[in-house]
Amino acid sequence: MAISLSIGKKATKLTKPQQLMILAVFGTAIFLGAAIAVVIYASNKISFSASVIVAQDQSIVSFSDTIKNIGICRKPSGQVYSDDELKKCSPNSITVSSVPNTLRSNIIQNVAANQALESVPNTSNASCVNPDTGKNYTYDELEANYTEAENDGDDKEIAAAVDLLESCSALRVIPDALPAYKNEEALLASVDKIFRDSGTEPESLSPTEETDWATFGNNLYTISVRLAIESNTGTVYKLLDNVERSIRNFNVERATITWSSNSSIDLEARATAYYMLPTTLNISTKSIKPGGK
């Protein structure tokens, strides 16, 4: 005997309050999700803006410290320079007394007054001769000239006094000893002067054709010359002594010495001098991206 069972489907109908409740739940969920998204976006935006502001403040402080330490402008009224203070700043008219304990003041007051460097007179510049004494300016005379220009407050007089300090005081010895660019003519002139101071003339004197190489942080470069002399022992010894005592450093890398039958010496040598490229202020760029990258 077969039995069949039929199960019927009954549709459940939601009441009006139940429908409203479900719509309210869906609406609340959508609103909450949108609110969370807005909060996350705003938080990221605020975080990114804060990172930019912090980096900007660091840059401003760094630039201000550089200007302050070098002595380009007088000290700011606050921690950093304002726009008005930078606009009013005139580096060429700033006096050393107004920027104490800076690179500028240390160079003019300490390096320029160095007696060991000042002992090497500048005989090639007629402007360095004091017309009142007929001798080269001393540092005290140059400082008095600068102080007088400061007191007068004339920008042109101050600039002229600074130029005189740079050209005639011990400061000019520094570029003489280590020039800021490759100048073969000046190097050959220096070597020729050493020969003349030694009481002789070179048999030959010429620059080498070898490529410069850099060392000490890729900023110190070499420049070499070849020289030859034939003279007596005393003159050659005096020449080598003057090369050693020269304010510009010479490194004699190779030398060939031949004694002749007439008591003279033939000397052929390769000497290397140095020059250093100017130091510049490197400005770097920092990129800030959303998300902390």
C-alpha atoms as a PDB file:
ATOM      1  CA  MET A   1       0.000   0.000   0.000  1.00  0.00           C
ATOM      2  CA  ALA A   2       1.657   3.399  -1.050  1.00  0.00           C
ATOM      3  CA  ILE A   3       1.414   6.543   1.080  1.00  0.00           C
ATOM      4  CA  SER A   4       2.183  10.013  -0.349  1.00  0.00           C
ATOM      5  CA  LEU A   5       2.910  13.042   1.825  1.00  0.00           C
ATOM      6  CA  SER A   6       2.550  16.502   0.464  1.00  0.00           C
ATOM      7  CA  ILE A   7       4.172  19.366   2.286  1.00  0.00           C
ATOM      8  CA  GLY A   8       2.883  22.752   1.359  1.00  0.00           C
ATOM      9  CA  LYS A   9       4.940  26.037   1.453  1.00  0.00           C
ATOM     10  CA  LYS A  10       3.612  28.878   3.498  1.00  0.00           C
ATOM     11  CA  ALA A  11       4.845  32.438   2.802  1.00  0.00           C
ATOM     12  CA  THR A  12       5.549  34.509   5.852  1.00  0.00           C
ATOM     13  CA  LYS A  13       4.401  38.080   5.486  1.00  0.00           C
ATOM     14  CA  LEU A  14       6.272  40.802   7.459  1.00  0.00           C
ATOM     15  CA  THR A  15       4.277  43.291   9.301  1.00  0.00           C
ATOM     16  CA  LYS A  16       4.687  47.041   8.790  1.00  0.00           C
ATOM     17  CA  PRO A  17       6.652  47.581  12.027  1.00  0.00           C
ATOM     18  CA  GLN A  18       9.027  44.746  11.076  1.00  0.00           C
ATOM     19  CA  GLN A  19       9.652  46.275   7.646  1.00  0.00           C
ATOM     20  CA  LEU A  20      10.411  49.639   9.183  1.00  0.00           C
ATOM     21  CA  MET A  21      12.786  48.009  11.664  1.00  0.00           C
ATOM     22  CA  ILE A  22      14.777  46.296   8.878  1.00  0.00           C
ATOM     23  CA  LEU A  23      14.989  49.515   6.856  1.00  0.00           C
ATOM     24  CA  ALA A  24      16.191  51.368   9.937  1.00  0.00           C
ATOM     25  CA  VAL A  25      18.906  48.747  10.558  1.00  0.00           C
ATOM     26  CA  PHE A  26      20.088  48.919   6.911  1.00  0.00           C
ATOM     27  CA  GLY A  27      20.074  52.722   6.971  1.00  0.00           C
ATOM     28  CA  THR A  28      22.019  52.828  10.210  1.00  0.00           C
ATOM     29  CA  ALA A  29      24.607  50.377   8.839  1.00  0.00           C
ATOM     30  CA  ILE A  30      25.101  52.449   5.676  1.00  0.00           C
ATOM     31  CA  PHE A  31      25.359  55.680   7.642  1.00  0.00           C
ATOM     32  CA  LEU A  32      27.818  54.115  10.100  1.00  0.00           C
ATOM     33  CA  GLY A  33      29.991  52.759   7.275  1.00  0.00           C
ATOM     34  CA  ALA A  34      30.033  56.129   5.546  1.00  0.00           C
ATOM     35  CA  ALA A  35      30.892  57.854   8.824  1.00  0.00           C
ATOM     36  CA  ILE A  36      33.774  55.435   9.442  1.00  0.00           C
ATOM     37  CA  ALA A  37      35.111  56.024   5.903  1.00  0.00           C
ATOM     38  CA  VAL A  38      34.944  59.801   6.368  1.00  0.00           C
ATOM     39  CA  VAL A  39      36.709  59.556   9.739  1.00  0.00           C
ATOM     40  CA  ILE A  40      39.516  57.401   8.237  1.00  0.00           C
ATOM     41  CA  TYR A  41      39.921  59.779   5.290  1.00  0.00           C
ATOM     42  CA  ALA A  42      39.973  62.839   7.548  1.00  0.00           C
ATOM     43  CA  SER A  43      42.453  61.142   9.907  1.00  0.00           C
ATOM     44  CA  ASN A  44      44.818  60.325   7.025  1.00  0.00           C
ATOM     45  CA  LYS A  45      44.450  63.855   5.681  1.00  0.00           C
ATOM     46  CA  ILE A  46      45.238  65.394   9.055  1.00  0.00           C
ATOM     47  CA  SER A  47      48.204  63.033   9.572  1.00  0.00           C
ATOM     48  CA  PHE A  48      49.606  63.873   6.127  1.00  0.00           C
ATOM     49  CA  SER A  49      49.183  67.615   6.656  1.00  0.00           C
ATOM     50  CA  ALA A  50      50.858  67.350  10.059  1.00  0.00           C
ATOM     51  CA  SER A  51      53.836  65.527   8.493  1.00  0.00           C
ATOM     52  CA  VAL A  52      54.174  68.251   5.863  1.00  0.00           C
ATOM     53  CA  ILE A  53      54.022  71.007   8.492  1.00  0.00           C
ATOM     54  CA  VAL A  54      56.648  69.261  10.678  1.00  0.00           C
ATOM     55  CA  ALA A  55      58.998  68.817   7.681  1.00  0.00           C
ATOM     56  CA  GLN A  56      58.465  72.436   6.672  1.00  0.00           C
ATOM     57  CA  ASP A  57      59.243  73.656  10.187  1.00  0.00           C
ATOM     58  CA  GLN A  58      62.414  71.538  10.242  1.00  0.00           C
ATOM     59  CA  SER A  59      63.528  73.060   6.932  1.00  0.00           C
ATOM     60  CA  ILE A  60      62.894  76.592   8.188  1.00  0.00           C
ATOM     61  CA  VAL A  61      64.880  75.918  11.385  1.00  0.00           C
ATOM     62  CA  SER A  62      67.723  74.343   9.374  1.00  0.00           C
ATOM     63  CA  PHE A  63      67.952  77.288   6.960  1.00  0.00           C
ATOM     64  CA  SER A  64      67.771  79.765   9.833  1.00  0.00           C
ATOM     65  CA  ASP A  65      70.553  77.977  11.734  1.00  0.00           C
ATOM     66  CA  THR A  66      72.747  77.981   8.611  1.00  0.00           C
ATOM     67  CA  ILE A  67      72.244  81.720   8.033  1.00  0.00           C
ATOM     68  CA  LYS A  68      72.813  82.407  11.733  1.00  0.00           C
ATOM     69  CA  ASN A  69      75.998  80.274  12.056  1.00  0.00           C
ATOM     70  CA  ILE A  70      77.617  81.675   8.921  1.00  0.00           C
ATOM     71  CA  GLY A  71      76.842  85.259   9.881  1.00  0.00           C
ATOM     72  CA  ILE A  72      74.988  86.293   6.742  1.00  0.00           C
ATOM     73  CA  CYS A  73      72.359  88.173   8.747  1.00  0.00           C
ATOM     74  CA  ARG A  74      72.030  89.422  12.280  1.00  0.00           C
ATOM     75  CA  LYS A  75      70.443  87.036  14.752  1.00  0.00           C
ATOM     76  CA  PRO A  76      66.641  86.741  14.442  1.00  0.00           C
ATOM     77  CA  SER A  77      64.373  88.073  17.147  1.00  0.00           C
ATOM     78  CA  GLY A  78      62.927  84.573  17.587  1.00  0.00           C
ATOM     79  CA  GLN A  79      64.156  81.060  16.866  1.00  0.00           C
ATOM     80  CA  VAL A  80      63.853  81.503  13.099  1.00  0.00           C
ATOM     81  CA  TYR A  81      64.003  84.433  10.685  1.00  0.00           C
ATOM     82  CA  SER A  82      60.798  86.145   9.713  1.00  0.00           C
ATOM     83  CA  ASP A  83      60.084  87.273   6.150  1.00  0.00           C
ATOM     84  CA  ASP A  84      60.679  90.917   7.128  1.00  0.00           C
ATOM     85  CA  GLU A  85      64.045  90.087   8.737  1.00  0.00           C
ATOM     86  CA  LEU A  86      65.216  88.259   5.609  1.00  0.00           C
ATOM     87  CA  LYS A  87      64.084  91.112   3.351  1.00  0.00           C
ATOM     88  CA  LYS A  88      65.986  93.642   5.449  1.00  0.00           C
ATOM     89  CA  CYS A  89      69.141  91.500   5.580  1.00  0.00           C
ATOM     90  CA  SER A  90      72.040  92.875   3.510  1.00  0.00           C
ATOM     91  CA  PRO A  91      75.108  90.583   3.860  1.00  0.00           C
ATOM     92  CA  ASN A  92      77.555  93.065   2.292  1.00  0.00           C
ATOM     93  CA  SER A  93      76.717  95.785   4.802  1.00  0.00           C
ATOM     94  CA  ILE A  94      76.697  93.658   7.972  1.00  0.00           C
ATOM     95  CA  THR A  95      79.528  94.453  10.361  1.00  0.00           C
ATOM     96  CA  VAL A  96      81.523  91.740  12.110  1.00  0.00           C
ATOM     97  CA  SER A  97      80.655  93.146  15.534  1.00  0.00           C
ATOM     98  CA  SER A  98      76.945  92.555  14.833  1.00  0.00           C
ATOM     99  CA  VAL A  99      77.434  88.825  14.147  1.00  0.00           C
ATOM    100  CA  PRO A 100      79.704  87.589  16.988  1.00  0.00           C
ATOM    101  CA  ASN A 101      80.688  83.922  17.322  1.00  0.00           C
ATOM    102  CA  THR A 102      79.853  83.144  13.705  1.00  0.00           C
ATOM    103  CA  LEU A 103      81.952  81.716  10.890  1.00  0.00           C
ATOM    104  CA  ARG A 104      82.263  85.197   9.431  1.00  0.00           C
ATOM    105  CA  SER A 105      83.536  86.784  12.630  1.00  0.00           C
ATOM    106  CA  ASN A 106      85.921  83.897  13.386  1.00  0.00           C
ATOM    107  CA  ILE A 107      87.479  84.131   9.921  1.00  0.00           C
ATOM    108  CA  ILE A 108      88.022  87.889  10.040  1.00  0.00           C
ATOM    109  CA  GLN A 109      89.002  88.137  13.704  1.00  0.00           C
ATOM    110  CA  ASN A 110      91.014  84.919  14.118  1.00  0.00           C
ATOM    111  CA  VAL A 111      92.256  83.586  10.790  1.00  0.00           C
ATOM    112  CA  ALA A 112      93.000  87.019   9.331  1.00  0.00           C
ATOM    113  CA  ALA A 113      95.005  87.875  12.450  1.00  0.00           C
ATOM    114  CA  ASN A 114      97.094  84.680  12.417  1.00  0.00           C
ATOM    115  CA  GLN A 115     100.690  85.852  12.745  1.00  0.00           C
ATOM    116  CA  ALA A 116     102.166  82.718  11.183  1.00  0.00           C
ATOM    117  CA  LEU A 117     100.128  83.214   8.011  1.00  0.00           C
ATOM    118  CA  GLU A 118     100.597  86.973   8.084  1.00  0.00           C
ATOM    119  CA  SER A 119     104.385  86.481   7.987  1.00  0.00           C
ATOM    120  CA  VAL A 120     104.041  85.666   4.275  1.00  0.00           C
ATOM    121  CA  PRO A 121     103.621  89.121   2.695  1.00  0.00           C
ATOM    122  CA  ASN A 122     101.623  89.782  -0.441  1.00  0.00           C
ATOM    123  CA  THR A 123     104.201  91.423  -2.680  1.00  0.00           C
ATOM    124  CA  SER A 124     102.257  91.085  -5.928  1.00  0.00           C
ATOM    125  CA  ASN A 125      99.349  93.366  -4.981  1.00  0.00           C
ATOM    126  CA  ALA A 126     100.134  97.078  -4.929  1.00  0.00           C
ATOM    127  CA  SER A 127      96.920  97.752  -2.990  1.00  0.00           C
ATOM    128  CA  CYS A 128      98.416  95.951   0.001  1.00  0.00           C
ATOM    129  CA  VAL A 129     101.066  98.652   0.466  1.00  0.00           C
ATOM    130  CA  ASN A 130     100.139 101.249   3.066  1.00  0.00           C
ATOM    131  CA  PRO A 131     100.802 104.648   1.426  1.00  0.00           C
ATOM    132  CA  ASP A 132     101.588 106.159   4.843  1.00  0.00           C
ATOM    133  CA  THR A 133     104.374 103.683   5.694  1.00  0.00           C
ATOM    134  CA  GLY A 134     105.416 102.360   2.293  1.00  0.00           C
ATOM    135  CA  LYS A 135     105.176  98.824   3.692  1.00  0.00           C
ATOM    136  CA  ASN A 136     102.557  96.094   3.506  1.00  0.00           C
ATOM    137  CA  TYR A 137      99.517  96.595   5.706  1.00  0.00           C
ATOM    138  CA  THR A 138      99.670  94.845   9.055  1.00  0.00           C
ATOM    139  CA  TYR A 139      96.562  93.187  10.436  1.00  0.00           C
ATOM    140  CA  ASP A 140      96.205  95.957  13.047  1.00  0.00           C
ATOM    141  CA  GLU A 141      96.133  98.547  10.271  1.00  0.00           C
ATOM    142  CA  LEU A 142      93.614  96.540   8.248  1.00  0.00           C
ATOM    143  CA  GLU A 143      91.439  96.050  11.334  1.00  0.00           C
ATOM    144  CA  ALA A 144      91.581  99.774  12.123  1.00  0.00           C
ATOM    145  CA  ASN A 145      90.541 100.535   8.547  1.00  0.00           C
ATOM    146  CA  TYR A 146      87.633  98.101   8.850  1.00  0.00           C
ATOM    147  CA  THR A 147      86.565  99.495  12.240  1.00  0.00           C
ATOM    148  CA  GLU A 148      86.578 103.031  10.828  1.00  0.00           C
ATOM    149  CA  ALA A 149      84.376 101.881   7.928  1.00  0.00           C
ATOM    150  CA  GLU A 150      82.015 100.218  10.422  1.00  0.00           C
ATOM    151  CA  ASN A 151      81.713 103.399  12.455  1.00  0.00           C
ATOM    152  CA  ASP A 152      81.000 105.461   9.344  1.00  0.00           C
ATOM    153  CA  GLY A 153      78.267 103.004   8.354  1.00  0.00           C
ATOM    154  CA  ASP A 154      78.991 103.384   4.645  1.00  0.00           C
ATOM    155  CA  ASP A 155      78.237 100.137   2.797  1.00  0.00           C
ATOM    156  CA  LYS A 156      80.796 100.848   0.060  1.00  0.00           C
ATOM    157  CA  GLU A 157      83.526 101.615   2.591  1.00  0.00           C
ATOM    158  CA  ILE A 158      82.728  98.428   4.522  1.00  0.00           C
ATOM    159  CA  ALA A 159      82.840  96.355   1.320  1.00  0.00           C
ATOM    160  CA  ALA A 160      86.174  97.947   0.334  1.00  0.00           C
ATOM    161  CA  ALA A 161      87.598  97.269   3.817  1.00  0.00           C
ATOM    162  CA  VAL A 162      86.515  93.628   3.592  1.00  0.00           C
ATOM    163  CA  ASP A 163      88.140  93.302   0.148  1.00  0.00           C
ATOM    164  CA  LEU A 164      91.366  94.703   1.592  1.00  0.00           C
ATOM    165  CA  LEU A 165      91.215  92.196   4.456  1.00  0.00           C
ATOM    166  CA  GLU A 166      90.693  89.328   2.034  1.00  0.00           C
ATOM    167  CA  SER A 167      93.480  90.441  -0.313  1.00  0.00           C
ATOM    168  CA  CYS A 168      96.154  91.666   2.084  1.00  0.00           C
ATOM    169  CA  SER A 169      95.712  89.872   5.409  1.00  0.00           C
ATOM    170  CA  ALA A 170      96.513  86.271   6.271  1.00  0.00           C
ATOM    171  CA  LEU A 171      93.199  85.284   4.647  1.00  0.00           C
ATOM    172  CA  ARG A 172      94.679  85.490   1.155  1.00  0.00           C
ATOM    173  CA  VAL A 173      97.284  82.850   2.100  1.00  0.00           C
ATOM    174  CA  ILE A 174      94.569  80.179   2.175  1.00  0.00           C
ATOM    175  CA  PRO A 175      93.606  80.381  -1.526  1.00  0.00           C
ATOM    176  CA  ASP A 176      97.311  80.755  -2.368  1.00  0.00           C
ATOM    177  CA  ALA A 177      98.077  77.511  -0.542  1.00  0.00           C
ATOM    178  CA  LEU A 178      95.013  75.635  -1.774  1.00  0.00           C
ATOM    179  CA  PRO A 179      93.302  77.254  -4.774  1.00  0.00           C
ATOM    180  CA  ALA A 180      89.610  76.695  -5.472  1.00  0.00           C
ATOM    181  CA  TYR A 181      90.035  75.778  -9.132  1.00  0.00           C
ATOM    182  CA  LYS A 182      92.531  74.292 -11.570  1.00  0.00           C
ATOM    183  CA  ASN A 183      94.931  76.987 -12.759  1.00  0.00           C
ATOM    184  CA  GLU A 184      97.986  75.598 -14.518  1.00  0.00           C
ATOM    185  CA  GLU A 185      99.367  79.055 -15.359  1.00  0.00           C
ATOM    186  CA  ALA A 186      99.348  80.102 -11.687  1.00  0.00           C
ATOM    187  CA  LEU A 187     100.992  76.817 -10.685  1.00  0.00           C
ATOM    188  CA  LEU A 188     103.780  77.235 -13.253  1.00  0.00           C
ATOM    189  CA  ALA A 189     104.267  80.838 -12.116  1.00  0.00           C
ATOM    190  CA  SER A 190     104.601  79.637  -8.504  1.00  0.00           C
ATOM    191  CA  VAL A 191     107.202  77.032  -9.457  1.00  0.00           C
ATOM    192  CA  ASP A 192     109.080  79.569 -11.605  1.00  0.00           C
ATOM    193  CA  LYS A 193     109.187  81.972  -8.639  1.00  0.00           C
ATOM    194  CA  ILE A 194     110.646  79.206  -6.468  1.00  0.00           C
ATOM    195  CA  PHE A 195     113.374  78.734  -9.080  1.00  0.00           C
ATOM    196  CA  ARG A 196     114.131  82.481  -9.153  1.00  0.00           C
ATOM    197  CA  ASP A 197     114.172  82.663  -5.339  1.00  0.00           C
ATOM    198  CA  SER A 198     116.706  79.831  -5.453  1.00  0.00           C
ATOM    199  CA  GLY A 199     118.956  81.817  -7.797  1.00  0.00           C
ATOM    200  CA  THR A 200     118.450  79.721 -10.924  1.00  0.00           C
ATOM    201  CA  GLU A 201     116.164  79.109 -13.869  1.00  0.00           C
ATOM    202  CA  PRO A 202     114.524  75.848 -14.956  1.00  0.00           C
ATOM    203  CA  GLU A 203     115.848  73.937 -17.937  1.00  0.00           C
ATOM    204  CA  SER A 204     112.256  72.966 -18.642  1.00  0.00           C
ATOM    205  CA  LEU A 205     108.944  73.492 -16.898  1.00  0.00           C
ATOM    206  CA  SER A 206     105.590  72.191 -18.138  1.00  0.00           C
ATOM    207  CA  PRO A 207     102.289  70.742 -16.869  1.00  0.00           C
ATOM    208  CA  THR A 208     101.622  67.034 -17.214  1.00  0.00           C
ATOM    209  CA  GLU A 209      98.834  65.632 -19.347  1.00  0.00           C
ATOM    210  CA  GLU A 210      97.668  63.121 -16.761  1.00  0.00           C
ATOM    211  CA  THR A 211      94.041  63.154 -15.662  1.00  0.00           C
ATOM    212  CA  ASP A 212      93.285  64.696 -12.281  1.00  0.00           C
ATOM    213  CA  TRP A 213      92.183  62.367  -9.542  1.00  0.00           C
ATOM    214  CA  ALA A 214      90.131  63.238  -6.517  1.00  0.00           C
ATOM    215  CA  THR A 215      90.640  62.142  -2.942  1.00  0.00           C
ATOM    216  CA  PHE A 216      89.510  63.093   0.556  1.00  0.00           C
ATOM    217  CA  GLY A 217      85.783  63.012  -0.138  1.00  0.00           C
ATOM    218  CA  ASN A 218      86.096  63.614  -3.880  1.00  0.00           C
ATOM    219  CA  ASN A 219      86.836  67.296  -3.322  1.00  0.00           C
ATOM    220  CA  LEU A 220      90.653  67.516  -3.343  1.00  0.00           C
ATOM    221  CA  TYR A 221      92.181  67.318  -6.833  1.00  0.00           C
ATOM    222  CA  THR A 222      95.724  67.050  -8.139  1.00  0.00           C
ATOM    223  CA  ILE A 223      97.596  69.104 -10.723  1.00  0.00           C
ATOM    224  CA  SER A 224     101.144  68.127 -11.660  1.00  0.00           C
ATOM    225  CA  VAL A 225     104.185  69.687 -13.324  1.00  0.00           C
ATOM    226  CA  ARG A 226     107.405  68.358 -14.770  1.00  0.00           C
ATOM    227  CA  LEU A 227     110.593  70.301 -14.126  1.00  0.00           C
ATOM    228  CA  ALA A 228     114.263  69.972 -14.952  1.00  0.00           C
ATOM    229  CA  ILE A 229     117.345  71.828 -13.728  1.00  0.00           C
ATOM    230  CA  GLU A 230     121.080  71.595 -14.247  1.00  0.00           C
ATOM    231  CA  SER A 231     123.150  73.423 -11.649  1.00  0.00           C
ATOM    232  CA  ASN A 232     125.631  73.010  -8.826  1.00  0.00           C
ATOM    233  CA  THR A 233     124.897  71.046  -5.676  1.00  0.00           C
ATOM    234  CA  GLY A 234     124.226  74.082  -3.492  1.00  0.00           C
ATOM    235  CA  THR A 235     121.685  75.583  -5.907  1.00  0.00           C
ATOM    236  CA  VAL A 236     119.818  72.306  -6.381  1.00  0.00           C
ATOM    237  CA  TYR A 237     119.719  71.768  -2.609  1.00  0.00           C
ATOM    238  CA  LYS A 238     118.382  75.320  -2.120  1.00  0.00           C
ATOM    239  CA  LEU A 239     115.725  74.719  -4.786  1.00  0.00           C
ATOM    240  CA  LEU A 240     114.509  71.527  -3.110  1.00  0.00           C
ATOM    241  CA  ASP A 241     114.496  73.287   0.264  1.00  0.00           C
ATOM    242  CA  ASN A 242     112.395  76.138  -1.150  1.00  0.00           C
ATOM    243  CA  VAL A 243     109.965  73.638  -2.676  1.00  0.00           C
ATOM    244  CA  GLU A 244     109.625  72.027   0.744  1.00  0.00           C
ATOM    245  CA  ARG A 245     109.104  75.385   2.467  1.00  0.00           C
ATOM    246  CA  SER A 246     106.662  76.701  -0.131  1.00  0.00           C
ATOM    247  CA  ILE A 247     103.289  77.772   1.200  1.00  0.00           C
ATOM    248  CA  ARG A 248     101.719  75.727  -1.579  1.00  0.00           C
ATOM    249  CA  ASN A 249     102.192  72.042  -0.939  1.00  0.00           C
ATOM    250  CA  PHE A 250     104.194  70.129  -3.547  1.00  0.00           C
ATOM    251  CA  ASN A 251     104.534  66.376  -3.485  1.00  0.00           C
ATOM    252  CA  VAL A 252     107.636  65.296  -5.461  1.00  0.00           C
ATOM    253  CA  GLU A 253     106.495  61.887  -6.658  1.00  0.00           C
ATOM    254  CA  ARG A 254     109.351  60.967  -9.011  1.00  0.00           C
ATOM    255  CA  ALA A 255     112.832  62.397  -9.351  1.00  0.00           C
ATOM    256  CA  THR A 256     115.943  61.454 -11.298  1.00  0.00           C
ATOM    257  CA  ILE A 257     119.285  62.891 -10.205  1.00  0.00           C
ATOM    258  CA  THR A 258     122.443  62.608 -12.314  1.00  0.00           C
ATOM    259  CA  TRP A 259     125.866  63.835 -11.254  1.00  0.00           C
ATOM    260  CA  SER A 260     127.982  65.292 -14.048  1.00  0.00           C
ATOM    261  CA  SER A 261     131.766  65.285 -14.274  1.00  0.00           C
ATOM    262  CA  ASN A 262     131.894  69.067 -13.800  1.00  0.00           C
ATOM    263  CA  SER A 263     130.354  68.780 -10.301  1.00  0.00           C
ATOM    264  CA  SER A 264     126.907  69.833 -11.520  1.00  0.00           C
ATOM    265  CA  ILE A 265     123.631  67.985 -10.964  1.00  0.00           C
ATOM    266  CA  ASP A 266     120.921  67.196 -13.473  1.00  0.00           C
ATOM    267  CA  LEU A 267     117.529  66.949 -11.746  1.00  0.00           C
ATOM    268  CA  GLU A 268     114.324  65.878 -13.453  1.00  0.00           C
ATOM    269  CA  ALA A 269     111.222  65.584 -11.295  1.00  0.00           C
ATOM    270  CA  ARG A 270     107.463  65.317 -11.344  1.00  0.00           C
ATOM    271  CA  ALA A 271     105.751  67.362  -8.603  1.00  0.00           C
ATOM    272  CA  THR A 272     102.073  67.287  -7.726  1.00  0.00           C
ATOM    273  CA  ALA A 273     100.186  70.204  -6.211  1.00  0.00           C
ATOM    274  CA  TYR A 274      96.566  70.289  -5.088  1.00  0.00           C
ATOM    275  CA  TYR A 275      93.441  72.373  -5.430  1.00  0.00           C
ATOM    276  CA  MET A 276      90.075  72.025  -3.739  1.00  0.00           C
ATOM    277  CA  LEU A 277      86.716  72.719  -5.301  1.00  0.00           C
ATOM    278  CA  PRO A 278      84.598  75.333  -3.502  1.00  0.00           C
ATOM    279  CA  THR A 279      82.294  74.040  -0.804  1.00  0.00           C
ATOM    280  CA  THR A 280      78.656  74.643  -1.591  1.00  0.00           C
ATOM    281  CA  LEU A 281      75.456  74.405   0.413  1.00  0.00           C
ATOM    282  CA  ASN A 282      73.631  71.298  -0.735  1.00  0.00           C
ATOM    283  CA  ILE A 283      69.852  71.648  -0.631  1.00  0.00           C
ATOM    284  CA  SER A 284      68.049  68.318  -0.506  1.00  0.00           C
ATOM    285  CA  THR A 285      64.407  67.552  -1.340  1.00  0.00           C
ATOM    286  CA  LYS A 286      62.267  65.443   0.942  1.00  0.00           C
ATOM    287  CA  SER A 287      59.100  63.849  -0.444  1.00  0.00           C
ATOM    288  CA  ILE A 288      56.232  63.125   1.940  1.00  0.00           C
ATOM    289  CA  LYS A 289      53.481  60.837   0.744  1.00  0.00           C
ATOM    290  CA  PRO A 290      50.173  59.840   2.358  1.00  0.00           C
ATOM    291  CA  GLY A 291      50.321  56.710   4.428  1.00  0.00           C
ATOM    292  CA  GLY A 292      53.665  57.547   6.023  1.00  0.00           C
ATOM    293  CA  LYS A 293      55.755  56.430   2.991  1.00  0.00           C
END
